[in-house]
Amino acid sequence: MWPTIKFLGTVFISFFAMIGALGAENPLPLFAVAWGIWIIYIISLRSKRKMRLIIAAKD
């Protein structure tokens, strides 16, 4: 359930940042927010997977 909530939050933030970039005079900061939130989301998924692999290797 938690990964779904994080995904929907990421989609929501990214969507509105991209929509805001369409009308902005300087869209670069909003593009940075939109891409940055996806990078944070992917890193958070990878770190959990890595921790599971480490725990499984110890057993």
C-alpha atoms as a PDB file:
ATOM      1  CA  MET A   1       0.000   0.000   0.000  1.00  0.00           C
ATOM      2  CA  TRP A   2       2.794   2.429   0.895  1.00  0.00           C
ATOM      3  CA  PRO A   3       4.531   2.181  -2.537  1.00  0.00           C
ATOM      4  CA  THR A   4       1.199   2.976  -4.214  1.00  0.00           C
ATOM      5  CA  ILE A   5       0.728   6.078  -2.076  1.00  0.00           C
ATOM      6  CA  LYS A   6       4.285   7.219  -2.822  1.00  0.00           C
ATOM      7  CA  PHE A   7       3.734   6.624  -6.550  1.00  0.00           C
ATOM      8  CA  LEU A   8       0.485   8.594  -6.621  1.00  0.00           C
ATOM      9  CA  GLY A   9       2.097  11.430  -4.675  1.00  0.00           C
ATOM     10  CA  THR A  10       4.981  11.480  -7.131  1.00  0.00           C
ATOM     11  CA  VAL A  11       2.610  11.560 -10.099  1.00  0.00           C
ATOM     12  CA  PHE A  12       0.567  14.353  -8.497  1.00  0.00           C
ATOM     13  CA  ILE A  13       3.572  16.580  -7.730  1.00  0.00           C
ATOM     14  CA  SER A  14       5.235  15.924 -11.083  1.00  0.00           C
ATOM     15  CA  PHE A  15       2.041  16.582 -13.037  1.00  0.00           C
ATOM     16  CA  PHE A  16       1.400  19.959 -11.444  1.00  0.00           C
ATOM     17  CA  ALA A  17       5.045  20.978 -11.764  1.00  0.00           C
ATOM     18  CA  MET A  18       4.931  20.226 -15.496  1.00  0.00           C
ATOM     19  CA  ILE A  19       1.615  22.061 -15.925  1.00  0.00           C
ATOM     20  CA  GLY A  20       3.097  25.025 -14.072  1.00  0.00           C
ATOM     21  CA  ALA A  21       6.157  24.932 -16.314  1.00  0.00           C
ATOM     22  CA  LEU A  22       3.954  25.390 -19.369  1.00  0.00           C
ATOM     23  CA  GLY A  23       2.909  28.877 -18.291  1.00  0.00           C
ATOM     24  CA  ALA A  24       6.030  29.926 -16.429  1.00  0.00           C
ATOM     25  CA  GLU A  25       8.403  32.566 -17.710  1.00  0.00           C
ATOM     26  CA  ASN A  26      11.327  30.484 -16.458  1.00  0.00           C
ATOM     27  CA  PRO A  27      10.251  26.805 -16.488  1.00  0.00           C
ATOM     28  CA  LEU A  28      13.631  25.355 -15.460  1.00  0.00           C
ATOM     29  CA  PRO A  29      12.951  25.253 -11.679  1.00  0.00           C
ATOM     30  CA  LEU A  30       9.642  23.488 -12.249  1.00  0.00           C
ATOM     31  CA  PHE A  31      11.254  20.978 -14.603  1.00  0.00           C
ATOM     32  CA  ALA A  32      13.847  20.369 -11.890  1.00  0.00           C
ATOM     33  CA  VAL A  33      11.081  19.703  -9.357  1.00  0.00           C
ATOM     34  CA  ALA A  34       9.243  17.368 -11.724  1.00  0.00           C
ATOM     35  CA  TRP A  35      12.342  15.319 -12.569  1.00  0.00           C
ATOM     36  CA  GLY A  36      13.754  15.520  -9.056  1.00  0.00           C
ATOM     37  CA  ILE A  37      10.663  13.993  -7.479  1.00  0.00           C
ATOM     38  CA  TRP A  38      10.905  11.011  -9.846  1.00  0.00           C
ATOM     39  CA  ILE A  39      14.598  10.573  -9.018  1.00  0.00           C
ATOM     40  CA  ILE A  40      13.820  10.615  -5.294  1.00  0.00           C
ATOM     41  CA  TYR A  41      11.021   8.081  -5.831  1.00  0.00           C
ATOM     42  CA  ILE A  42      13.281   5.700  -7.777  1.00  0.00           C
ATOM     43  CA  ILE A  43      16.078   6.001  -5.219  1.00  0.00           C
ATOM     44  CA  SER A  44      13.634   5.253  -2.408  1.00  0.00           C
ATOM     45  CA  LEU A  45      12.480   2.084  -4.181  1.00  0.00           C
ATOM     46  CA  ARG A  46      16.035   0.939  -4.895  1.00  0.00           C
ATOM     47  CA  SER A  47      17.188   1.475  -1.308  1.00  0.00           C
ATOM     48  CA  LYS A  48      14.375  -0.723   0.060  1.00  0.00           C
ATOM     49  CA  ARG A  49      15.202  -3.453  -2.455  1.00  0.00           C
ATOM     50  CA  LYS A  50      18.878  -3.233  -1.558  1.00  0.00           C
ATOM     51  CA  MET A  51      18.074  -3.573   2.153  1.00  0.00           C
ATOM     52  CA  ARG A  52      15.968  -6.678   1.452  1.00  0.00           C
ATOM     53  CA  LEU A  53      18.836  -8.203  -0.510  1.00  0.00           C
ATOM     54  CA  ILE A  54      21.277  -7.477   2.326  1.00  0.00           C
ATOM     55  CA  ILE A  55      18.939  -8.993   4.928  1.00  0.00           C
ATOM     56  CA  ALA A  56      18.341 -12.068   2.752  1.00  0.00           C
ATOM     57  CA  ALA A  57      22.092 -12.527   2.227  1.00  0.00           C
ATOM     58  CA  LYS A  58      22.726 -12.537   5.993  1.00  0.00           C
ATOM     59  CA  ASP A  59      20.274 -15.402   6.548  1.00  0.00           C
END
